[in-house]
Amino acid sequence: MEVPFKPKGGNSSSCHLDAYFSAESFDILFECKNIYAPSQVGGILADIARMNSHLVNQIHSRYELGKTPNRTYGVVFAETWYPHVAEWWKVETPKKTWEAQKLPSNWSFKTIEVCRHETEKTETLYWLYGVSGELGR
C-alpha cells in the first residue's frame, strides 16, 4: 500500500500508488478516488497517465518478487453518490459540464450500483472502475 515511485524524469519519490498487487501470473497497479465534481477528474487522468511501462519497470526493479509476472494492468477505482457521474463514467451520456473530461478509450470503464435507496437517487452509492490493457515493460 502507498507504494512510492519517482515520476519519469523526476527526482522526487513523494508520489505514491494507492496499492500494488503482485500475483504469480500478473500485477495490478491500483489508484482510488472519491469523485463528485468535474475538477476531480484531473487526478484520475493523471493516475491513468502514470500507469505506463516506465512505472512498471521502476516497480519491478525495486522489489524482489522472485519471478516477475509477464502481465501488468492498471486499475482506477472511484466511488460516487451522484447518478450523473456514474452515467458519465460509462462514457454513454455525459452531462455538459463533464464533456471536456474525457476518459481514455484504451481503458475499459464500468459502473456497479452498490447500495440503492428506494426513493432518493442521491442516496445510491456507485462504484466506478477502469481497467487498462496490458502495460508494457
Protein backbone atom coordinates (compact mmCIF):
# COMPACT_ATOMS: atom_id res chain seq x y z
CA MET A 1 0.00 0.00 0.00
CA GLU A 2 1.13 3.58 -0.70
CA VAL A 3 3.93 2.43 -2.99
CA PRO A 4 6.39 5.30 -3.62
CA PHE A 5 7.73 5.97 -7.11
CA LYS A 6 9.70 8.62 -8.97
CA PRO A 7 7.96 10.34 -11.86
CA LYS A 8 9.65 9.95 -15.24
CA GLY A 9 12.50 12.44 -15.38
CA GLY A 10 11.96 13.44 -11.75
CA ASN A 11 13.98 13.03 -8.58
CA SER A 12 11.15 13.03 -6.08
CA SER A 13 9.76 9.83 -4.64
CA SER A 14 6.90 11.66 -2.91
CA CYS A 15 4.45 10.24 -5.47
CA HIS A 16 2.58 7.11 -4.46
CA LEU A 17 0.36 4.45 -5.97
CA ASP A 18 -2.50 3.59 -3.64
CA ALA A 19 -1.64 -0.09 -3.93
CA TYR A 20 0.44 -2.58 -5.88
CA PHE A 21 -0.69 -6.19 -6.03
CA SER A 22 1.59 -8.92 -7.30
CA ALA A 23 0.41 -12.42 -8.10
CA GLU A 24 2.20 -15.27 -9.79
CA SER A 25 0.75 -14.56 -13.23
CA PHE A 26 0.00 -10.78 -13.19
CA ASP A 27 0.47 -7.48 -11.34
CA ILE A 28 -2.04 -4.70 -10.70
CA LEU A 29 -1.24 -1.00 -10.17
CA PHE A 30 -4.17 0.46 -8.21
CA GLU A 31 -5.46 4.02 -7.63
CA CYS A 32 -8.65 5.06 -5.77
CA LYS A 33 -10.70 8.26 -5.65
CA ASN A 34 -13.98 9.70 -4.44
CA ILE A 35 -15.50 11.69 -7.30
CA TYR A 36 -18.28 14.26 -7.21
CA ALA A 37 -17.12 17.15 -9.43
CA PRO A 38 -15.51 17.53 -12.88
CA SER A 39 -12.45 19.14 -11.24
CA GLN A 40 -11.57 15.79 -9.64
CA VAL A 41 -11.27 14.04 -12.97
CA GLY A 42 -7.82 15.57 -13.50
CA GLY A 43 -6.49 13.42 -10.66
CA ILE A 44 -7.93 10.29 -12.25
CA LEU A 45 -6.49 11.19 -15.65
CA ALA A 46 -3.08 11.84 -14.03
CA ASP A 47 -3.26 8.44 -12.29
CA ILE A 48 -4.05 6.75 -15.59
CA ALA A 49 -1.21 8.59 -17.39
CA ARG A 50 1.27 7.45 -14.70
CA MET A 51 0.38 3.81 -15.18
CA ASN A 52 2.80 3.04 -18.00
CA SER A 53 5.86 0.95 -18.85
CA HIS A 54 8.21 3.37 -17.05
CA LEU A 55 6.34 2.87 -13.76
CA VAL A 56 6.08 -0.89 -14.27
CA ASN A 57 9.83 -1.18 -14.87
CA GLN A 58 10.62 1.01 -11.85
CA ILE A 59 8.47 -1.06 -9.51
CA HIS A 60 9.80 -4.38 -10.82
CA SER A 61 13.40 -3.21 -10.45
CA ARG A 62 12.89 -2.25 -6.78
CA TYR A 63 11.08 -5.24 -5.40
CA GLU A 64 12.39 -8.75 -5.05
CA LEU A 65 9.32 -10.64 -6.09
CA GLY A 66 11.01 -13.79 -7.25
CA LYS A 67 9.59 -14.40 -10.69
CA THR A 68 8.34 -11.16 -12.26
CA PRO A 69 4.84 -11.60 -13.74
CA ASN A 70 4.50 -11.36 -17.51
CA ARG A 71 1.48 -9.07 -17.37
CA THR A 72 0.76 -5.85 -15.52
CA TYR A 73 -2.55 -3.97 -15.53
CA GLY A 74 -3.66 -0.60 -14.22
CA VAL A 75 -6.90 -0.21 -12.27
CA VAL A 76 -8.60 3.00 -11.16
CA PHE A 77 -11.44 2.77 -8.69
CA ALA A 78 -13.78 5.59 -7.67
CA GLU A 79 -16.95 5.92 -5.70
CA THR A 80 -19.75 8.45 -6.06
CA TRP A 81 -23.25 9.13 -4.80
CA TYR A 82 -24.20 11.01 -7.99
CA PRO A 83 -26.08 9.21 -10.78
CA HIS A 84 -24.85 11.68 -13.44
CA VAL A 85 -21.24 10.87 -12.50
CA ALA A 86 -21.95 7.15 -12.84
CA GLU A 87 -23.50 7.77 -16.27
CA TRP A 88 -20.56 9.90 -17.37
CA TRP A 89 -18.10 7.22 -16.23
CA LYS A 90 -19.75 4.71 -18.55
CA VAL A 91 -18.97 7.19 -21.40
CA GLU A 92 -22.56 6.98 -22.64
CA THR A 93 -24.32 10.26 -21.96
CA PRO A 94 -22.02 12.90 -20.43
CA LYS A 95 -23.57 16.00 -18.92
CA LYS A 96 -22.41 19.22 -20.50
CA THR A 97 -20.11 20.09 -17.57
CA TRP A 98 -18.40 16.72 -17.87
CA GLU A 99 -17.94 16.64 -21.68
CA ALA A 100 -14.42 18.11 -21.58
CA GLN A 101 -13.35 15.42 -19.14
CA LYS A 102 -12.69 12.52 -21.50
CA LEU A 103 -11.61 9.16 -20.16
CA PRO A 104 -9.08 7.33 -22.36
CA SER A 105 -10.55 4.99 -24.94
CA ASN A 106 -7.84 2.36 -24.44
CA TRP A 107 -9.19 1.57 -20.94
CA SER A 108 -12.43 -0.26 -20.12
CA PHE A 109 -14.81 1.56 -17.74
CA LYS A 110 -17.72 0.03 -15.83
CA THR A 111 -20.14 1.02 -13.06
CA ILE A 112 -21.65 -1.03 -10.24
CA GLU A 113 -24.65 0.12 -8.20
CA VAL A 114 -23.61 -0.89 -4.69
CA CYS A 115 -26.27 0.42 -2.34
CA ARG A 116 -29.57 1.72 -3.65
CA HIS A 117 -32.04 3.83 -1.74
CA GLU A 118 -35.59 3.09 -2.89
CA THR A 119 -36.83 6.70 -3.11
CA GLU A 120 -33.81 9.03 -3.23
CA LYS A 121 -31.50 8.77 -6.26
CA THR A 122 -28.81 10.75 -4.42
CA GLU A 123 -28.75 8.05 -1.79
CA THR A 124 -27.42 5.44 -4.21
CA LEU A 125 -23.73 4.52 -3.96
CA TYR A 126 -21.91 3.69 -7.18
CA TRP A 127 -18.51 2.09 -7.58
CA LEU A 128 -16.76 3.07 -10.77
CA TYR A 129 -13.75 1.24 -12.12
CA GLY A 130 -11.48 1.31 -15.11
CA VAL A 131 -9.01 -1.33 -16.26
CA SER A 132 -6.13 -0.86 -18.67
CA GLY A 133 -4.91 -3.27 -21.26
CA GLU A 134 -1.51 -4.81 -20.57
CA LEU A 135 1.00 -2.15 -19.59
CA GLY A 136 4.28 -2.53 -21.46
CA ARG A 137 7.65 -3.06 -19.87
